Amino acid sequence: MNKKLIYGALAVFAFGVAAYANISHATPNGTPVLMYHEIVTDSVATPPGDTVITVTKFNQQMSWLKRNGYCSMQVSQLINYMTNTGRVTIANQAESFMVRPTKCKPVVLTFDDGWNNQQNALPGLRNNGFTATFFIIGTYPDSNNSSYMNWNKINTLVRSGHEIGSHTMTHPYNMLLSDATYEVATSKTYIASKTGQQIVSLAWPGGYYTADLLNFAETVAKYKGTLSVDDNWCYSSNISLEGTPYCDWHTGNYVGDDEFKIKRIFVDGRCSIAEFGTIVNQGHTMACIGDGTKNMEAPGIMRVPVDPYSSYGASIPRDAVEPSNTGDEYLWRTR
């Protein structure tokens, strides 16, 4: 695995024009990759937190990105940008164009776990001309647990222009190399078989990886890149995983950075829109105070995926998908 710094330097020299220069000309802190989990309706009792945001706040954030000149990349496009001399076509925009400082500021929108309520994000994405990458846990869509999207709903995402990535088969924490064949390699081929998409990227559960796992993902499973989490979130959360190389980089997803250590920014559901703007601009997660509303004053929580095959997971009530009033074919009620 190499960082391709030489290729990036040669590219700028070879083209000799600013159009294909380092992405930092457009975004000084690199390319922000935002990480979302559950997008809940405003009426539910679940308080916002690290992995929970209301659909109203999500829509406000998408509008903020649009107003401030951002266009969406998918993860495969970011990998291509980082490894292919900084050139990429944004095919999901109204017009295809090369990413240039004069055109837009790239942002990557990602969703983990395949929560059913992530469908609440679709109108906000569509209304602002954005597409996203959804990281799916391979066994969960087969579980008949309404907390998670089934393959029919996931394939509707595909037909709507969104990208699918792997989040392993079972979402193990502190994964061992002995688990990698099933969790990393099998998930890639299985999710591809269910969606018809080539799976090029993997998001590590909990952001955890080791050098051996990174090497396996690249050389054995043949991913093009993998994603973890923002180093600032790890440090501020005082997370330590027994000296493993977790949250050990300080890059901003620039051309030439390691595409197997793409960092993502936790979007705290408690953030005000001003705090969200700060997070995007600085390229790091931060603790949010919120905007003083009732929901934002509630204690935030982090909800992690629950095995949908367990009796515990099956008994947990989850949020129904917000019903569509715009005729969107990809919105359903779970109950």
C-alpha atoms as a PDB file:
ATOM      1  CA  MET A   1       0.000   0.000   0.000  1.00  0.00           C
ATOM      2  CA  ASN A   2       1.597   3.269  -0.961  1.00  0.00           C
ATOM      3  CA  LYS A   3       0.460   6.820  -0.699  1.00  0.00           C
ATOM      4  CA  LYS A   4       1.195   7.718  -4.285  1.00  0.00           C
ATOM      5  CA  LEU A   5       2.807  11.034  -3.402  1.00  0.00           C
ATOM      6  CA  ILE A   6       5.115  10.701  -6.380  1.00  0.00           C
ATOM      7  CA  TYR A   7       2.173  10.169  -8.728  1.00  0.00           C
ATOM      8  CA  GLY A   8       0.411  13.232  -7.391  1.00  0.00           C
ATOM      9  CA  ALA A   9       3.470  15.410  -7.861  1.00  0.00           C
ATOM     10  CA  LEU A  10       4.093  14.114 -11.371  1.00  0.00           C
ATOM     11  CA  ALA A  11       0.473  14.736 -12.291  1.00  0.00           C
ATOM     12  CA  VAL A  12       0.585  18.412 -11.379  1.00  0.00           C
ATOM     13  CA  PHE A  13       3.819  18.801 -13.345  1.00  0.00           C
ATOM     14  CA  ALA A  14       2.527  16.891 -16.354  1.00  0.00           C
ATOM     15  CA  PHE A  15      -0.719  18.794 -16.682  1.00  0.00           C
ATOM     16  CA  GLY A  16       0.862  22.126 -15.796  1.00  0.00           C
ATOM     17  CA  VAL A  17      -2.512  23.668 -15.099  1.00  0.00           C
ATOM     18  CA  ALA A  18      -4.422  24.567 -11.938  1.00  0.00           C
ATOM     19  CA  ALA A  19      -7.494  22.648 -13.067  1.00  0.00           C
ATOM     20  CA  TYR A  20      -6.061  19.373 -11.806  1.00  0.00           C
ATOM     21  CA  ALA A  21      -4.145  20.720  -8.834  1.00  0.00           C
ATOM     22  CA  ASN A  22      -4.362  19.390  -5.298  1.00  0.00           C
ATOM     23  CA  ILE A  23      -7.882  19.412  -3.945  1.00  0.00           C
ATOM     24  CA  SER A  24      -6.650  21.604  -1.090  1.00  0.00           C
ATOM     25  CA  HIS A  25      -7.013  24.565  -3.439  1.00  0.00           C
ATOM     26  CA  ALA A  26     -10.751  24.084  -3.070  1.00  0.00           C
ATOM     27  CA  THR A  27     -10.870  22.760   0.488  1.00  0.00           C
ATOM     28  CA  PRO A  28      -7.807  23.650   2.614  1.00  0.00           C
ATOM     29  CA  ASN A  29      -8.569  20.892   5.116  1.00  0.00           C
ATOM     30  CA  GLY A  30      -8.980  18.209   2.489  1.00  0.00           C
ATOM     31  CA  THR A  31     -12.094  16.442   1.298  1.00  0.00           C
ATOM     32  CA  PRO A  32     -14.650  16.055   4.099  1.00  0.00           C
ATOM     33  CA  VAL A  33     -16.228  12.610   4.312  1.00  0.00           C
ATOM     34  CA  LEU A  34     -19.303  12.878   6.516  1.00  0.00           C
ATOM     35  CA  MET A  35     -20.553   9.835   8.415  1.00  0.00           C
ATOM     36  CA  TYR A  36     -24.217   9.329   9.263  1.00  0.00           C
ATOM     37  CA  HIS A  37     -26.080   6.441  10.855  1.00  0.00           C
ATOM     38  CA  GLU A  38     -29.738   6.855  11.858  1.00  0.00           C
ATOM     39  CA  ILE A  39     -31.926   9.585  10.358  1.00  0.00           C
ATOM     40  CA  VAL A  40     -34.972   9.686  12.622  1.00  0.00           C
ATOM     41  CA  THR A  41     -38.262  11.505  12.294  1.00  0.00           C
ATOM     42  CA  ASP A  42     -38.697  14.620  14.401  1.00  0.00           C
ATOM     43  CA  SER A  43     -41.523  13.074  16.408  1.00  0.00           C
ATOM     44  CA  VAL A  44     -39.603  10.113  17.842  1.00  0.00           C
ATOM     45  CA  ALA A  45     -38.377  10.061  21.411  1.00  0.00           C
ATOM     46  CA  THR A  46     -34.806   9.072  20.529  1.00  0.00           C
ATOM     47  CA  PRO A  47     -32.524  11.989  21.461  1.00  0.00           C
ATOM     48  CA  PRO A  48     -29.948  13.155  18.920  1.00  0.00           C
ATOM     49  CA  GLY A  49     -26.396  12.002  19.468  1.00  0.00           C
ATOM     50  CA  ASP A  50     -23.256  10.741  17.754  1.00  0.00           C
ATOM     51  CA  THR A  51     -25.179   8.312  15.571  1.00  0.00           C
ATOM     52  CA  VAL A  52     -28.696   9.783  15.606  1.00  0.00           C
ATOM     53  CA  ILE A  53     -29.903  12.905  13.790  1.00  0.00           C
ATOM     54  CA  THR A  54     -33.397  14.158  12.983  1.00  0.00           C
ATOM     55  CA  VAL A  55     -34.465  14.393   9.367  1.00  0.00           C
ATOM     56  CA  THR A  56     -35.087  18.140   9.759  1.00  0.00           C
ATOM     57  CA  LYS A  57     -31.518  18.757  10.867  1.00  0.00           C
ATOM     58  CA  PHE A  58     -30.192  16.486   8.149  1.00  0.00           C
ATOM     59  CA  ASN A  59     -32.119  18.410   5.505  1.00  0.00           C
ATOM     60  CA  GLN A  60     -30.774  21.683   6.901  1.00  0.00           C
ATOM     61  CA  GLN A  61     -27.257  20.325   6.635  1.00  0.00           C
ATOM     62  CA  MET A  62     -27.737  19.260   3.020  1.00  0.00           C
ATOM     63  CA  SER A  63     -29.101  22.712   2.181  1.00  0.00           C
ATOM     64  CA  TRP A  64     -26.107  24.317   3.917  1.00  0.00           C
ATOM     65  CA  LEU A  65     -23.709  22.238   1.818  1.00  0.00           C
ATOM     66  CA  LYS A  66     -25.483  23.242  -1.380  1.00  0.00           C
ATOM     67  CA  ARG A  67     -25.580  26.941  -0.473  1.00  0.00           C
ATOM     68  CA  ASN A  68     -21.901  26.899   0.358  1.00  0.00           C
ATOM     69  CA  GLY A  69     -20.814  25.481  -2.964  1.00  0.00           C
ATOM     70  CA  TYR A  70     -20.386  21.786  -2.229  1.00  0.00           C
ATOM     71  CA  CYS A  71     -21.083  18.947  -4.643  1.00  0.00           C
ATOM     72  CA  SER A  72     -21.184  15.293  -3.670  1.00  0.00           C
ATOM     73  CA  MET A  73     -18.626  12.645  -4.502  1.00  0.00           C
ATOM     74  CA  GLN A  74     -19.207   8.990  -3.875  1.00  0.00           C
ATOM     75  CA  VAL A  75     -16.474   7.016  -2.147  1.00  0.00           C
ATOM     76  CA  SER A  76     -15.348   5.356  -5.376  1.00  0.00           C
ATOM     77  CA  GLN A  77     -14.925   8.814  -6.912  1.00  0.00           C
ATOM     78  CA  LEU A  78     -12.920  10.019  -3.919  1.00  0.00           C
ATOM     79  CA  ILE A  79     -10.623   6.995  -4.201  1.00  0.00           C
ATOM     80  CA  ASN A  80     -10.202   7.718  -7.888  1.00  0.00           C
ATOM     81  CA  TYR A  81      -9.437  11.352  -7.091  1.00  0.00           C
ATOM     82  CA  MET A  82      -6.851  10.454  -4.459  1.00  0.00           C
ATOM     83  CA  THR A  83      -5.096   7.870  -6.623  1.00  0.00           C
ATOM     84  CA  ASN A  84      -5.596   9.102 -10.183  1.00  0.00           C
ATOM     85  CA  THR A  85      -3.771  12.447 -10.126  1.00  0.00           C
ATOM     86  CA  GLY A  86      -6.721  14.357  -8.747  1.00  0.00           C
ATOM     87  CA  ARG A  87      -9.026  13.883 -11.728  1.00  0.00           C
ATOM     88  CA  VAL A  88     -12.573  12.647 -11.384  1.00  0.00           C
ATOM     89  CA  THR A  89     -15.886  13.193 -13.144  1.00  0.00           C
ATOM     90  CA  ILE A  90     -18.873  13.955 -10.950  1.00  0.00           C
ATOM     91  CA  ALA A  91     -21.415  12.050 -12.975  1.00  0.00           C
ATOM     92  CA  ASN A  92     -24.312  12.568 -10.585  1.00  0.00           C
ATOM     93  CA  GLN A  93     -24.469  16.334 -11.104  1.00  0.00           C
ATOM     94  CA  ALA A  94     -26.664  18.051 -13.687  1.00  0.00           C
ATOM     95  CA  GLU A  95     -23.585  18.291 -15.911  1.00  0.00           C
ATOM     96  CA  SER A  96     -20.532  16.079 -15.748  1.00  0.00           C
ATOM     97  CA  PHE A  97     -17.360  18.024 -15.097  1.00  0.00           C
ATOM     98  CA  MET A  98     -13.911  17.676 -13.699  1.00  0.00           C
ATOM     99  CA  VAL A  99     -13.638  18.670 -10.057  1.00  0.00           C
ATOM    100  CA  ARG A 100     -11.953  22.058 -10.069  1.00  0.00           C
ATOM    101  CA  PRO A 101     -11.745  24.870  -7.541  1.00  0.00           C
ATOM    102  CA  THR A 102     -13.866  27.011  -9.845  1.00  0.00           C
ATOM    103  CA  LYS A 103     -16.644  24.433  -9.994  1.00  0.00           C
ATOM    104  CA  CYS A 104     -17.378  23.071  -6.547  1.00  0.00           C
ATOM    105  CA  LYS A 105     -16.012  21.927  -3.222  1.00  0.00           C
ATOM    106  CA  PRO A 106     -16.299  18.134  -2.971  1.00  0.00           C
ATOM    107  CA  VAL A 107     -17.963  16.422  -0.014  1.00  0.00           C
ATOM    108  CA  VAL A 108     -18.560  12.698   0.466  1.00  0.00           C
ATOM    109  CA  LEU A 109     -21.749  11.584   2.229  1.00  0.00           C
ATOM    110  CA  THR A 110     -21.722   8.131   3.825  1.00  0.00           C
ATOM    111  CA  PHE A 111     -24.272   6.097   5.791  1.00  0.00           C
ATOM    112  CA  ASP A 112     -23.396   3.076   7.926  1.00  0.00           C
ATOM    113  CA  ASP A 113     -25.201  -0.127   8.888  1.00  0.00           C
ATOM    114  CA  GLY A 114     -28.175  -0.019   6.503  1.00  0.00           C
ATOM    115  CA  TRP A 115     -30.697   1.318   9.035  1.00  0.00           C
ATOM    116  CA  ASN A 116     -34.195   1.391   7.568  1.00  0.00           C
ATOM    117  CA  ASN A 117     -34.678   4.991   8.680  1.00  0.00           C
ATOM    118  CA  GLN A 118     -31.819   6.083   6.418  1.00  0.00           C
ATOM    119  CA  GLN A 119     -34.488   6.293   3.743  1.00  0.00           C
ATOM    120  CA  ASN A 120     -35.535   9.509   5.488  1.00  0.00           C
ATOM    121  CA  ALA A 121     -32.373  11.057   4.053  1.00  0.00           C
ATOM    122  CA  LEU A 122     -33.283  10.405   0.427  1.00  0.00           C
ATOM    123  CA  PRO A 123     -35.477  13.453  -0.277  1.00  0.00           C
ATOM    124  CA  GLY A 124     -32.883  15.798   1.220  1.00  0.00           C
ATOM    125  CA  LEU A 125     -30.151  14.211  -0.869  1.00  0.00           C
ATOM    126  CA  ARG A 126     -32.205  14.309  -4.050  1.00  0.00           C
ATOM    127  CA  ASN A 127     -33.441  17.871  -3.557  1.00  0.00           C
ATOM    128  CA  ASN A 128     -29.864  19.125  -3.384  1.00  0.00           C
ATOM    129  CA  GLY A 129     -28.538  17.009  -6.242  1.00  0.00           C
ATOM    130  CA  PHE A 130     -26.461  14.765  -3.974  1.00  0.00           C
ATOM    131  CA  THR A 131     -25.783  11.049  -4.005  1.00  0.00           C
ATOM    132  CA  ALA A 132     -24.192   9.027  -1.227  1.00  0.00           C
ATOM    133  CA  THR A 133     -22.425   5.788  -0.377  1.00  0.00           C
ATOM    134  CA  PHE A 134     -24.298   3.366   1.894  1.00  0.00           C
ATOM    135  CA  PHE A 135     -22.204   0.814   3.800  1.00  0.00           C
ATOM    136  CA  ILE A 136     -24.227  -2.357   4.305  1.00  0.00           C
ATOM    137  CA  ILE A 137     -23.689  -5.161   6.832  1.00  0.00           C
ATOM    138  CA  GLY A 138     -23.965  -8.232   4.609  1.00  0.00           C
ATOM    139  CA  THR A 139     -26.176 -10.481   6.743  1.00  0.00           C
ATOM    140  CA  TYR A 140     -28.578  -7.856   8.062  1.00  0.00           C
ATOM    141  CA  PRO A 141     -30.804  -7.385   4.971  1.00  0.00           C
ATOM    142  CA  ASP A 142     -31.628 -11.112   5.092  1.00  0.00           C
ATOM    143  CA  SER A 143     -32.757 -10.994   8.711  1.00  0.00           C
ATOM    144  CA  ASN A 144     -36.369  -9.810   8.219  1.00  0.00           C
ATOM    145  CA  ASN A 145     -35.709  -7.266  10.963  1.00  0.00           C
ATOM    146  CA  SER A 146     -37.512  -4.041  10.071  1.00  0.00           C
ATOM    147  CA  SER A 147     -34.799  -1.964  11.726  1.00  0.00           C
ATOM    148  CA  TYR A 148     -32.673  -2.577   8.632  1.00  0.00           C
ATOM    149  CA  MET A 149     -33.283  -2.202   4.917  1.00  0.00           C
ATOM    150  CA  ASN A 150     -33.854  -5.393   2.982  1.00  0.00           C
ATOM    151  CA  TRP A 151     -32.239  -6.026  -0.396  1.00  0.00           C
ATOM    152  CA  ASN A 152     -35.220  -4.654  -2.315  1.00  0.00           C
ATOM    153  CA  LYS A 153     -34.864  -1.305  -0.572  1.00  0.00           C
ATOM    154  CA  ILE A 154     -31.092  -1.325  -0.947  1.00  0.00           C
ATOM    155  CA  ASN A 155     -31.443  -1.996  -4.659  1.00  0.00           C
ATOM    156  CA  THR A 156     -33.798   0.949  -4.919  1.00  0.00           C
ATOM    157  CA  LEU A 157     -30.902   3.045  -3.614  1.00  0.00           C
ATOM    158  CA  VAL A 158     -28.783   1.637  -6.424  1.00  0.00           C
ATOM    159  CA  ARG A 159     -31.407   2.485  -9.035  1.00  0.00           C
ATOM    160  CA  SER A 160     -31.575   6.018  -7.621  1.00  0.00           C
ATOM    161  CA  GLY A 161     -27.867   6.509  -8.306  1.00  0.00           C
ATOM    162  CA  HIS A 162     -26.413   5.799  -4.876  1.00  0.00           C
ATOM    163  CA  GLU A 163     -23.373   3.640  -4.216  1.00  0.00           C
ATOM    164  CA  ILE A 164     -23.103   0.585  -1.966  1.00  0.00           C
ATOM    165  CA  GLY A 165     -20.059  -0.405   0.069  1.00  0.00           C
ATOM    166  CA  SER A 166     -19.287  -3.177   2.536  1.00  0.00           C
ATOM    167  CA  HIS A 167     -19.502  -2.793   6.313  1.00  0.00           C
ATOM    168  CA  THR A 168     -18.483  -6.484   6.750  1.00  0.00           C
ATOM    169  CA  MET A 169     -20.850  -9.416   7.173  1.00  0.00           C
ATOM    170  CA  THR A 170     -21.673  -9.135  10.894  1.00  0.00           C
ATOM    171  CA  HIS A 171     -20.118  -5.847  12.143  1.00  0.00           C
ATOM    172  CA  PRO A 172     -17.519  -7.350  14.493  1.00  0.00           C
ATOM    173  CA  TYR A 173     -15.622  -5.099  16.876  1.00  0.00           C
ATOM    174  CA  ASN A 174     -11.839  -5.527  17.232  1.00  0.00           C
ATOM    175  CA  MET A 175     -11.813  -7.821  14.197  1.00  0.00           C
ATOM    176  CA  LEU A 176      -9.125 -10.503  14.040  1.00  0.00           C
ATOM    177  CA  LEU A 177      -7.219 -11.387  10.900  1.00  0.00           C
ATOM    178  CA  SER A 178      -8.750 -14.868  11.168  1.00  0.00           C
ATOM    179  CA  ASP A 179     -12.166 -13.234  10.658  1.00  0.00           C
ATOM    180  CA  ALA A 180     -11.128 -11.373   7.516  1.00  0.00           C
ATOM    181  CA  THR A 181     -11.983 -13.977   4.902  1.00  0.00           C
ATOM    182  CA  TYR A 182     -15.642 -13.983   5.937  1.00  0.00           C
ATOM    183  CA  GLU A 183     -16.031 -10.421   7.133  1.00  0.00           C
ATOM    184  CA  VAL A 184     -13.951  -8.595   4.534  1.00  0.00           C
ATOM    185  CA  ALA A 185     -13.697 -10.794   1.440  1.00  0.00           C
ATOM    186  CA  THR A 186     -17.014 -12.655   1.543  1.00  0.00           C
ATOM    187  CA  SER A 187     -18.957  -9.480   2.328  1.00  0.00           C
ATOM    188  CA  LYS A 188     -17.541  -7.885  -0.823  1.00  0.00           C
ATOM    189  CA  THR A 189     -18.649 -10.665  -3.145  1.00  0.00           C
ATOM    190  CA  TYR A 190     -21.947 -11.293  -1.360  1.00  0.00           C
ATOM    191  CA  ILE A 191     -23.096  -7.674  -1.365  1.00  0.00           C
ATOM    192  CA  ALA A 192     -22.047  -7.386  -5.011  1.00  0.00           C
ATOM    193  CA  SER A 193     -24.142 -10.439  -5.869  1.00  0.00           C
ATOM    194  CA  LYS A 194     -27.189  -8.913  -4.184  1.00  0.00           C
ATOM    195  CA  THR A 195     -26.887  -5.416  -5.662  1.00  0.00           C
ATOM    196  CA  GLY A 196     -25.233  -5.911  -9.029  1.00  0.00           C
ATOM    197  CA  GLN A 197     -22.730  -3.210  -8.071  1.00  0.00           C
ATOM    198  CA  GLN A 198     -18.997  -3.645  -7.949  1.00  0.00           C
ATOM    199  CA  ILE A 199     -18.070  -3.163  -4.287  1.00  0.00           C
ATOM    200  CA  VAL A 200     -14.878  -1.121  -4.163  1.00  0.00           C
ATOM    201  CA  SER A 201     -14.782   0.174  -0.581  1.00  0.00           C
ATOM    202  CA  LEU A 202     -15.161  -1.088   2.969  1.00  0.00           C
ATOM    203  CA  ALA A 203     -15.909   0.856   6.150  1.00  0.00           C
ATOM    204  CA  TRP A 204     -14.260  -0.705   9.201  1.00  0.00           C
ATOM    205  CA  PRO A 205     -16.756  -1.360  12.039  1.00  0.00           C
ATOM    206  CA  GLY A 206     -16.015   1.069  14.831  1.00  0.00           C
ATOM    207  CA  GLY A 207     -13.177   2.430  12.729  1.00  0.00           C
ATOM    208  CA  TYR A 208     -10.953  -0.396  13.954  1.00  0.00           C
ATOM    209  CA  TYR A 209      -8.254  -1.864  11.757  1.00  0.00           C
ATOM    210  CA  THR A 210      -4.714  -3.270  11.946  1.00  0.00           C
ATOM    211  CA  ALA A 211      -1.883  -3.259   9.433  1.00  0.00           C
ATOM    212  CA  ASP A 212      -2.649  -6.909   8.633  1.00  0.00           C
ATOM    213  CA  LEU A 213      -6.320  -6.150   8.037  1.00  0.00           C
ATOM    214  CA  LEU A 214      -5.459  -3.244   5.748  1.00  0.00           C
ATOM    215  CA  ASN A 215      -3.105  -5.461   3.789  1.00  0.00           C
ATOM    216  CA  PHE A 216      -5.763  -8.191   3.530  1.00  0.00           C
ATOM    217  CA  ALA A 217      -8.377  -5.721   2.281  1.00  0.00           C
ATOM    218  CA  GLU A 218      -6.047  -4.485  -0.444  1.00  0.00           C
ATOM    219  CA  THR A 219      -4.144  -7.548  -1.582  1.00  0.00           C
ATOM    220  CA  VAL A 220      -6.559 -10.423  -0.902  1.00  0.00           C
ATOM    221  CA  ALA A 221     -10.079  -8.978  -0.985  1.00  0.00           C
ATOM    222  CA  LYS A 222      -9.022  -6.453  -3.664  1.00  0.00           C
ATOM    223  CA  TYR A 223     -10.820  -3.393  -2.331  1.00  0.00           C
ATOM    224  CA  LYS A 224      -9.821  -0.061  -3.813  1.00  0.00           C
ATOM    225  CA  GLY A 225      -9.934   1.708  -0.457  1.00  0.00           C
ATOM    226  CA  THR A 226     -11.176   1.510   3.137  1.00  0.00           C
ATOM    227  CA  LEU A 227     -12.571   4.042   5.581  1.00  0.00           C
ATOM    228  CA  SER A 228     -12.209   4.565   9.297  1.00  0.00           C
ATOM    229  CA  VAL A 229     -13.080   7.569  11.480  1.00  0.00           C
ATOM    230  CA  ASP A 230     -11.812  11.058  12.201  1.00  0.00           C
ATOM    231  CA  ASP A 231      -8.764  11.069  14.476  1.00  0.00           C
ATOM    232  CA  ASN A 232     -10.101  14.050  16.415  1.00  0.00           C
ATOM    233  CA  TRP A 233     -13.259  12.121  17.379  1.00  0.00           C
ATOM    234  CA  CYS A 234     -11.134   9.273  18.690  1.00  0.00           C
ATOM    235  CA  TYR A 235      -8.901  11.482  20.779  1.00  0.00           C
ATOM    236  CA  SER A 236     -11.737  13.553  22.209  1.00  0.00           C
ATOM    237  CA  SER A 237     -13.613  10.367  23.068  1.00  0.00           C
ATOM    238  CA  ASN A 238     -10.516   8.946  24.767  1.00  0.00           C
ATOM    239  CA  ILE A 239     -10.782   5.717  22.819  1.00  0.00           C
ATOM    240  CA  SER A 240      -7.927   3.234  23.055  1.00  0.00           C
ATOM    241  CA  LEU A 241      -7.853  -0.214  21.526  1.00  0.00           C
ATOM    242  CA  GLU A 242      -4.788  -1.766  23.127  1.00  0.00           C
ATOM    243  CA  GLY A 243      -2.185   0.083  21.144  1.00  0.00           C
ATOM    244  CA  THR A 244      -3.565  -0.805  17.734  1.00  0.00           C
ATOM    245  CA  PRO A 245      -3.090   1.726  14.896  1.00  0.00           C
ATOM    246  CA  TYR A 246      -6.499   3.226  15.514  1.00  0.00           C
ATOM    247  CA  CYS A 247      -6.958   6.926  14.791  1.00  0.00           C
ATOM    248  CA  ASP A 248      -3.257   7.353  14.165  1.00  0.00           C
ATOM    249  CA  TRP A 249      -3.275   9.606  11.106  1.00  0.00           C
ATOM    250  CA  HIS A 250      -3.789  13.314  10.572  1.00  0.00           C
ATOM    251  CA  THR A 251      -4.532  13.576   6.874  1.00  0.00           C
ATOM    252  CA  GLY A 252      -7.458  15.230   5.176  1.00  0.00           C
ATOM    253  CA  ASN A 253      -8.088  12.876   2.234  1.00  0.00           C
ATOM    254  CA  TYR A 254      -5.872  14.798  -0.169  1.00  0.00           C
ATOM    255  CA  VAL A 255      -4.508  13.622  -3.490  1.00  0.00           C
ATOM    256  CA  GLY A 256      -1.649  11.275  -2.604  1.00  0.00           C
ATOM    257  CA  ASP A 257      -2.980  10.325   0.834  1.00  0.00           C
ATOM    258  CA  ASP A 258      -3.439   6.660   1.680  1.00  0.00           C
ATOM    259  CA  GLU A 259      -6.759   5.561   0.202  1.00  0.00           C
ATOM    260  CA  PHE A 260      -6.894   2.707   2.711  1.00  0.00           C
ATOM    261  CA  LYS A 261      -6.949   5.196   5.589  1.00  0.00           C
ATOM    262  CA  ILE A 262      -9.718   7.511   4.429  1.00  0.00           C
ATOM    263  CA  LYS A 263     -10.914   9.422   7.467  1.00  0.00           C
ATOM    264  CA  ARG A 264     -14.546  10.218   8.095  1.00  0.00           C
ATOM    265  CA  ILE A 265     -16.157  12.888  10.235  1.00  0.00           C
ATOM    266  CA  PHE A 266     -18.816  11.905  12.770  1.00  0.00           C
ATOM    267  CA  VAL A 267     -21.794  14.234  12.363  1.00  0.00           C
ATOM    268  CA  ASP A 268     -23.198  14.699  15.859  1.00  0.00           C
ATOM    269  CA  GLY A 269     -26.985  14.966  15.769  1.00  0.00           C
ATOM    270  CA  ARG A 270     -26.830  17.600  18.512  1.00  0.00           C
ATOM    271  CA  CYS A 271     -24.945  20.084  16.316  1.00  0.00           C
ATOM    272  CA  SER A 272     -26.485  23.402  15.371  1.00  0.00           C
ATOM    273  CA  ILE A 273     -26.159  24.366  11.720  1.00  0.00           C
ATOM    274  CA  ALA A 274     -23.355  26.776  12.649  1.00  0.00           C
ATOM    275  CA  GLU A 275     -21.483  23.986  14.416  1.00  0.00           C
ATOM    276  CA  PHE A 276     -22.052  21.714  11.417  1.00  0.00           C
ATOM    277  CA  GLY A 277     -20.476  24.344   9.173  1.00  0.00           C
ATOM    278  CA  THR A 278     -17.469  24.532  11.468  1.00  0.00           C
ATOM    279  CA  ILE A 279     -17.052  20.756  11.399  1.00  0.00           C
ATOM    280  CA  VAL A 280     -17.143  20.655   7.602  1.00  0.00           C
ATOM    281  CA  ASN A 281     -14.796  23.603   7.178  1.00  0.00           C
ATOM    282  CA  GLN A 282     -12.227  22.433   9.719  1.00  0.00           C
ATOM    283  CA  GLY A 283     -12.367  18.800   8.609  1.00  0.00           C
ATOM    284  CA  HIS A 284     -12.731  17.431  12.123  1.00  0.00           C
ATOM    285  CA  THR A 285     -15.442  16.288  14.470  1.00  0.00           C
ATOM    286  CA  MET A 286     -16.015  18.317  17.606  1.00  0.00           C
ATOM    287  CA  ALA A 287     -18.287  18.163  20.611  1.00  0.00           C
ATOM    288  CA  CYS A 288     -21.446  20.125  19.858  1.00  0.00           C
ATOM    289  CA  ILE A 289     -23.400  22.291  22.286  1.00  0.00           C
ATOM    290  CA  GLY A 290     -26.402  22.523  20.005  1.00  0.00           C
ATOM    291  CA  ASP A 291     -28.843  25.307  19.302  1.00  0.00           C
ATOM    292  CA  GLY A 292     -30.689  25.379  22.598  1.00  0.00           C
ATOM    293  CA  THR A 293     -33.808  23.609  21.383  1.00  0.00           C
ATOM    294  CA  LYS A 294     -35.473  20.963  23.498  1.00  0.00           C
ATOM    295  CA  ASN A 295     -34.185  18.073  21.412  1.00  0.00           C
ATOM    296  CA  MET A 296     -30.632  19.362  21.464  1.00  0.00           C
ATOM    297  CA  GLU A 297     -30.660  19.732  25.217  1.00  0.00           C
ATOM    298  CA  ALA A 298     -31.480  16.055  25.643  1.00  0.00           C
ATOM    299  CA  PRO A 299     -28.529  13.796  26.384  1.00  0.00           C
ATOM    300  CA  GLY A 300     -27.162  12.372  23.171  1.00  0.00           C
ATOM    301  CA  ILE A 301     -26.595   8.675  22.658  1.00  0.00           C
ATOM    302  CA  MET A 302     -24.672   6.417  20.368  1.00  0.00           C
ATOM    303  CA  ARG A 303     -26.725   3.478  19.102  1.00  0.00           C
ATOM    304  CA  VAL A 304     -24.676   0.650  17.690  1.00  0.00           C
ATOM    305  CA  PRO A 305     -25.961  -2.065  15.359  1.00  0.00           C
ATOM    306  CA  VAL A 306     -27.676  -4.904  17.167  1.00  0.00           C
ATOM    307  CA  ASP A 307     -27.512  -8.397  15.762  1.00  0.00           C
ATOM    308  CA  PRO A 308     -30.872  -8.670  13.981  1.00  0.00           C
ATOM    309  CA  TYR A 309     -30.898 -12.425  14.493  1.00  0.00           C
ATOM    310  CA  SER A 310     -30.785 -12.190  18.279  1.00  0.00           C
ATOM    311  CA  SER A 311     -33.941 -12.082  20.393  1.00  0.00           C
ATOM    312  CA  TYR A 312     -32.644  -8.858  21.950  1.00  0.00           C
ATOM    313  CA  GLY A 313     -32.237  -7.169  18.606  1.00  0.00           C
ATOM    314  CA  ALA A 314     -35.640  -8.304  17.429  1.00  0.00           C
ATOM    315  CA  SER A 315     -37.343  -6.784  20.466  1.00  0.00           C
ATOM    316  CA  ILE A 316     -35.909  -3.277  20.187  1.00  0.00           C
ATOM    317  CA  PRO A 317     -38.445  -0.777  18.839  1.00  0.00           C
ATOM    318  CA  ARG A 318     -37.084   1.356  16.034  1.00  0.00           C
ATOM    319  CA  ASP A 319     -38.287   4.422  14.223  1.00  0.00           C
ATOM    320  CA  ALA A 320     -40.699   4.154  11.350  1.00  0.00           C
ATOM    321  CA  VAL A 321     -39.646   5.700   8.087  1.00  0.00           C
ATOM    322  CA  GLU A 322     -41.173   9.108   7.594  1.00  0.00           C
ATOM    323  CA  PRO A 323     -43.993   8.721   5.058  1.00  0.00           C
ATOM    324  CA  SER A 324     -43.457  10.492   1.768  1.00  0.00           C
ATOM    325  CA  ASN A 325     -45.732  13.304   0.689  1.00  0.00           C
ATOM    326  CA  THR A 326     -43.886  13.809  -2.595  1.00  0.00           C
ATOM    327  CA  GLY A 327     -44.583  10.522  -4.300  1.00  0.00           C
ATOM    328  CA  ASP A 328     -41.068   9.182  -3.779  1.00  0.00           C
ATOM    329  CA  GLU A 329     -41.135   5.542  -4.768  1.00  0.00           C
ATOM    330  CA  TYR A 330     -38.361   4.617  -2.363  1.00  0.00           C
ATOM    331  CA  LEU A 331     -40.014   5.517   0.946  1.00  0.00           C
ATOM    332  CA  TRP A 332     -41.824   2.913   2.999  1.00  0.00           C
ATOM    333  CA  ARG A 333     -43.358   2.589   6.405  1.00  0.00           C
ATOM    334  CA  THR A 334     -41.916  -0.192   8.521  1.00  0.00           C
ATOM    335  CA  ARG A 335     -45.106  -0.439  10.566  1.00  0.00           C
END
